[in-house]
Amino acid sequence: MKRLGLLRHAKSDWDDLSLRDFDRGLNKRGRKGAALMGAHIRDSGVKWDMALASPAERVKRTLEASGLELPTRFEEDAYLADAASLMTLLRTVDDDQGAVLLAAHNPGLQELALELVPDDGETPLFDEIMRKYPTAAY
């Protein structure tokens, strides 16, 4: 893999409190955010080979609403995974996959981003990621 993208799921729906965390979808703001982020990701010009994703409903709905239409491998171990677990999953991706979009949850995605990007004092986005990795962040 030569390129890695990190996508946090969009804003989840809390209207039905009887649903398990795993089964919560997206609220209206989440669907809109996922569509906007999908357009942003497409506009970046990267040709993604695949998505590696948590099977949680909100991640599935985020990918769907993004309109990216990527071949997706859903992995149970990505659900609420920490950075180390996400790295373990990434190591299972075939070398011929040049660009992989990892779609999952916080705090694992934020931790992973902070581990992969050094704090060189010259990257303003590092401070942003350190402060917050919001829903639908890419």
C-alpha atoms as a PDB file:
ATOM      1  CA  MET A   1       0.000   0.000   0.000  1.00  0.00           C
ATOM      2  CA  LYS A   2       1.379   3.351  -1.037  1.00  0.00           C
ATOM      3  CA  ARG A   3      -1.407   5.638   0.141  1.00  0.00           C
ATOM      4  CA  LEU A   4      -3.635   5.453   3.186  1.00  0.00           C
ATOM      5  CA  GLY A   5      -6.721   7.533   3.860  1.00  0.00           C
ATOM      6  CA  LEU A   6      -8.430   7.652   7.230  1.00  0.00           C
ATOM      7  CA  LEU A   7     -12.178   8.313   7.299  1.00  0.00           C
ATOM      8  CA  ARG A   8     -14.135   8.543  10.515  1.00  0.00           C
ATOM      9  CA  HIS A   9     -17.819   7.662  10.233  1.00  0.00           C
ATOM     10  CA  ALA A  10     -20.271  10.557   9.950  1.00  0.00           C
ATOM     11  CA  LYS A  11     -22.581  11.772  12.742  1.00  0.00           C
ATOM     12  CA  SER A  12     -24.557   8.857  14.124  1.00  0.00           C
ATOM     13  CA  ASP A  13     -28.244   8.700  14.954  1.00  0.00           C
ATOM     14  CA  TRP A  14     -29.187   8.520  18.627  1.00  0.00           C
ATOM     15  CA  ASP A  15     -32.979   8.786  18.141  1.00  0.00           C
ATOM     16  CA  ASP A  16     -33.672   5.111  18.841  1.00  0.00           C
ATOM     17  CA  LEU A  17     -32.075   4.381  22.203  1.00  0.00           C
ATOM     18  CA  SER A  18     -33.096   0.716  21.961  1.00  0.00           C
ATOM     19  CA  LEU A  19     -30.465   0.138  19.244  1.00  0.00           C
ATOM     20  CA  ARG A  20     -27.094  -1.294  20.162  1.00  0.00           C
ATOM     21  CA  ASP A  21     -24.140   1.019  19.470  1.00  0.00           C
ATOM     22  CA  PHE A  22     -23.104  -1.243  16.579  1.00  0.00           C
ATOM     23  CA  ASP A  23     -26.531  -0.859  14.912  1.00  0.00           C
ATOM     24  CA  ARG A  24     -26.877   2.934  14.964  1.00  0.00           C
ATOM     25  CA  GLY A  25     -27.051   4.533  11.511  1.00  0.00           C
ATOM     26  CA  LEU A  26     -26.572   8.174  10.553  1.00  0.00           C
ATOM     27  CA  ASN A  27     -28.715  11.163  11.363  1.00  0.00           C
ATOM     28  CA  LYS A  28     -29.614  13.814   8.774  1.00  0.00           C
ATOM     29  CA  ARG A  29     -26.462  15.836   9.531  1.00  0.00           C
ATOM     30  CA  GLY A  30     -24.406  12.644   9.182  1.00  0.00           C
ATOM     31  CA  ARG A  31     -25.822  11.779   5.768  1.00  0.00           C
ATOM     32  CA  LYS A  32     -25.137  15.315   4.553  1.00  0.00           C
ATOM     33  CA  GLY A  33     -21.614  15.275   6.018  1.00  0.00           C
ATOM     34  CA  ALA A  34     -20.822  11.909   4.455  1.00  0.00           C
ATOM     35  CA  ALA A  35     -21.960  13.135   1.028  1.00  0.00           C
ATOM     36  CA  LEU A  36     -19.858  16.311   1.350  1.00  0.00           C
ATOM     37  CA  MET A  37     -16.808  14.362   2.479  1.00  0.00           C
ATOM     38  CA  GLY A  38     -17.302  11.841  -0.322  1.00  0.00           C
ATOM     39  CA  ALA A  39     -17.223  14.689  -2.849  1.00  0.00           C
ATOM     40  CA  HIS A  40     -14.083  16.079  -1.181  1.00  0.00           C
ATOM     41  CA  ILE A  41     -12.383  12.675  -1.312  1.00  0.00           C
ATOM     42  CA  ARG A  42     -13.298  12.224  -4.992  1.00  0.00           C
ATOM     43  CA  ASP A  43     -12.036  15.740  -5.768  1.00  0.00           C
ATOM     44  CA  SER A  44      -8.655  14.895  -4.222  1.00  0.00           C
ATOM     45  CA  GLY A  45      -7.886  12.906  -7.356  1.00  0.00           C
ATOM     46  CA  VAL A  46      -6.798   9.735  -5.550  1.00  0.00           C
ATOM     47  CA  LYS A  47      -7.983   6.509  -7.134  1.00  0.00           C
ATOM     48  CA  TRP A  48      -8.805   4.345  -4.136  1.00  0.00           C
ATOM     49  CA  ASP A  49      -8.360   0.624  -4.697  1.00  0.00           C
ATOM     50  CA  MET A  50     -10.425  -0.454  -1.727  1.00  0.00           C
ATOM     51  CA  ALA A  51     -11.903   0.451   1.615  1.00  0.00           C
ATOM     52  CA  LEU A  52     -11.090  -1.458   4.768  1.00  0.00           C
ATOM     53  CA  ALA A  53     -13.942  -0.787   7.164  1.00  0.00           C
ATOM     54  CA  SER A  54     -15.663  -1.476  10.422  1.00  0.00           C
ATOM     55  CA  PRO A  55     -18.942  -3.342   9.842  1.00  0.00           C
ATOM     56  CA  ALA A  56     -20.829  -1.006  12.201  1.00  0.00           C
ATOM     57  CA  GLU A  57     -23.987   0.359  10.619  1.00  0.00           C
ATOM     58  CA  ARG A  58     -22.831   3.991  10.851  1.00  0.00           C
ATOM     59  CA  VAL A  59     -19.646   3.170   8.923  1.00  0.00           C
ATOM     60  CA  LYS A  60     -21.595   1.286   6.252  1.00  0.00           C
ATOM     61  CA  ARG A  61     -24.042   4.192   5.897  1.00  0.00           C
ATOM     62  CA  THR A  62     -21.144   6.691   5.762  1.00  0.00           C
ATOM     63  CA  LEU A  63     -19.539   4.836   2.874  1.00  0.00           C
ATOM     64  CA  GLU A  64     -22.911   4.519   1.144  1.00  0.00           C
ATOM     65  CA  ALA A  65     -23.767   8.218   1.530  1.00  0.00           C
ATOM     66  CA  SER A  66     -20.261   9.220   0.393  1.00  0.00           C
ATOM     67  CA  GLY A  67     -20.975   7.850  -3.080  1.00  0.00           C
ATOM     68  CA  LEU A  68     -17.414   6.537  -3.349  1.00  0.00           C
ATOM     69  CA  GLU A  69     -18.490   3.060  -4.498  1.00  0.00           C
ATOM     70  CA  LEU A  70     -15.305   1.266  -3.490  1.00  0.00           C
ATOM     71  CA  PRO A  71     -14.741  -2.440  -3.134  1.00  0.00           C
ATOM     72  CA  THR A  72     -14.986  -2.772   0.633  1.00  0.00           C
ATOM     73  CA  ARG A  73     -13.680  -5.382   3.048  1.00  0.00           C
ATOM     74  CA  PHE A  74     -15.555  -5.198   6.335  1.00  0.00           C
ATOM     75  CA  GLU A  75     -13.569  -6.388   9.342  1.00  0.00           C
ATOM     76  CA  GLU A  76     -15.084  -7.046  12.774  1.00  0.00           C
ATOM     77  CA  ASP A  77     -11.728  -6.157  14.351  1.00  0.00           C
ATOM     78  CA  ALA A  78     -12.048  -2.577  13.048  1.00  0.00           C
ATOM     79  CA  TYR A  79     -15.101  -1.917  15.232  1.00  0.00           C
ATOM     80  CA  LEU A  80     -13.987   0.505  17.974  1.00  0.00           C
ATOM     81  CA  ALA A  81     -10.380  -0.635  17.405  1.00  0.00           C
ATOM     82  CA  ASP A  82      -7.384   1.121  18.888  1.00  0.00           C
ATOM     83  CA  ALA A  83      -4.465   2.294  16.745  1.00  0.00           C
ATOM     84  CA  ALA A  84      -2.463  -0.908  17.231  1.00  0.00           C
ATOM     85  CA  SER A  85      -5.400  -3.073  16.121  1.00  0.00           C
ATOM     86  CA  LEU A  86      -5.979  -0.880  13.081  1.00  0.00           C
ATOM     87  CA  MET A  87      -2.297  -1.216  12.127  1.00  0.00           C
ATOM     88  CA  THR A  88      -2.587  -4.995  12.452  1.00  0.00           C
ATOM     89  CA  LEU A  89      -5.564  -4.943  10.076  1.00  0.00           C
ATOM     90  CA  LEU A  90      -3.729  -2.712   7.602  1.00  0.00           C
ATOM     91  CA  ARG A  91      -0.880  -5.227   7.486  1.00  0.00           C
ATOM     92  CA  THR A  92      -3.346  -7.808   6.111  1.00  0.00           C
ATOM     93  CA  VAL A  93      -3.966  -5.757   2.952  1.00  0.00           C
ATOM     94  CA  ASP A  94      -2.346  -7.187  -0.185  1.00  0.00           C
ATOM     95  CA  ASP A  95       0.689  -5.275  -1.425  1.00  0.00           C
ATOM     96  CA  ASP A  96      -0.951  -4.763  -4.821  1.00  0.00           C
ATOM     97  CA  GLN A  97      -3.528  -2.438  -3.250  1.00  0.00           C
ATOM     98  CA  GLY A  98      -1.964   0.968  -3.941  1.00  0.00           C
ATOM     99  CA  ALA A  99      -4.482   3.164  -2.116  1.00  0.00           C
ATOM    100  CA  VAL A 100      -6.616   2.048   0.825  1.00  0.00           C
ATOM    101  CA  LEU A 101      -9.269   4.060   2.630  1.00  0.00           C
ATOM    102  CA  LEU A 102      -9.672   2.958   6.242  1.00  0.00           C
ATOM    103  CA  ALA A 103     -13.177   3.766   7.528  1.00  0.00           C
ATOM    104  CA  ALA A 104     -13.635   3.312  11.255  1.00  0.00           C
ATOM    105  CA  HIS A 105     -14.087   4.992  14.650  1.00  0.00           C
ATOM    106  CA  ASN A 106     -12.475   7.232  17.209  1.00  0.00           C
ATOM    107  CA  PRO A 107     -10.378   7.275  19.263  1.00  0.00           C
ATOM    108  CA  GLY A 108      -8.523   4.651  17.215  1.00  0.00           C
ATOM    109  CA  LEU A 109      -8.384   6.668  13.986  1.00  0.00           C
ATOM    110  CA  GLN A 110      -7.156   9.769  15.771  1.00  0.00           C
ATOM    111  CA  GLU A 111      -4.502   7.758  17.613  1.00  0.00           C
ATOM    112  CA  LEU A 112      -3.410   6.151  14.334  1.00  0.00           C
ATOM    113  CA  ALA A 113      -3.129   9.499  12.568  1.00  0.00           C
ATOM    114  CA  LEU A 114      -1.017  10.867  15.411  1.00  0.00           C
ATOM    115  CA  GLU A 115       1.261   7.817  15.283  1.00  0.00           C
ATOM    116  CA  LEU A 116       1.711   7.991  11.513  1.00  0.00           C
ATOM    117  CA  VAL A 117       2.306  11.735  11.218  1.00  0.00           C
ATOM    118  CA  PRO A 118       5.289  13.039  13.166  1.00  0.00           C
ATOM    119  CA  ASP A 119       4.950  16.184  15.239  1.00  0.00           C
ATOM    120  CA  ASP A 120       7.589  18.183  13.398  1.00  0.00           C
ATOM    121  CA  GLY A 121       6.300  21.537  14.606  1.00  0.00           C
ATOM    122  CA  GLU A 122       5.655  22.558  10.997  1.00  0.00           C
ATOM    123  CA  THR A 123       2.440  20.685  10.232  1.00  0.00           C
ATOM    124  CA  PRO A 124      -0.558  22.775  11.340  1.00  0.00           C
ATOM    125  CA  LEU A 125      -2.942  19.877  10.768  1.00  0.00           C
ATOM    126  CA  PHE A 126      -1.100  17.854  13.403  1.00  0.00           C
ATOM    127  CA  ASP A 127      -2.306  20.294  16.052  1.00  0.00           C
ATOM    128  CA  GLU A 128      -5.839  20.103  14.617  1.00  0.00           C
ATOM    129  CA  ILE A 129      -5.828  16.309  14.743  1.00  0.00           C
ATOM    130  CA  MET A 130      -4.375  16.387  18.247  1.00  0.00           C
ATOM    131  CA  ARG A 131      -7.237  18.611  19.385  1.00  0.00           C
ATOM    132  CA  LYS A 132     -10.091  16.857  17.588  1.00  0.00           C
ATOM    133  CA  TYR A 133     -10.820  14.241  14.924  1.00  0.00           C
ATOM    134  CA  PRO A 134     -14.522  14.967  14.310  1.00  0.00           C
ATOM    135  CA  THR A 135     -17.163  12.812  12.695  1.00  0.00           C
ATOM    136  CA  ALA A 136     -16.770  12.522   8.904  1.00  0.00           C
ATOM    137  CA  ALA A 137     -13.128  13.620   9.214  1.00  0.00           C
ATOM    138  CA  TYR A 138     -10.792  12.556   6.401  1.00  0.00           C
END
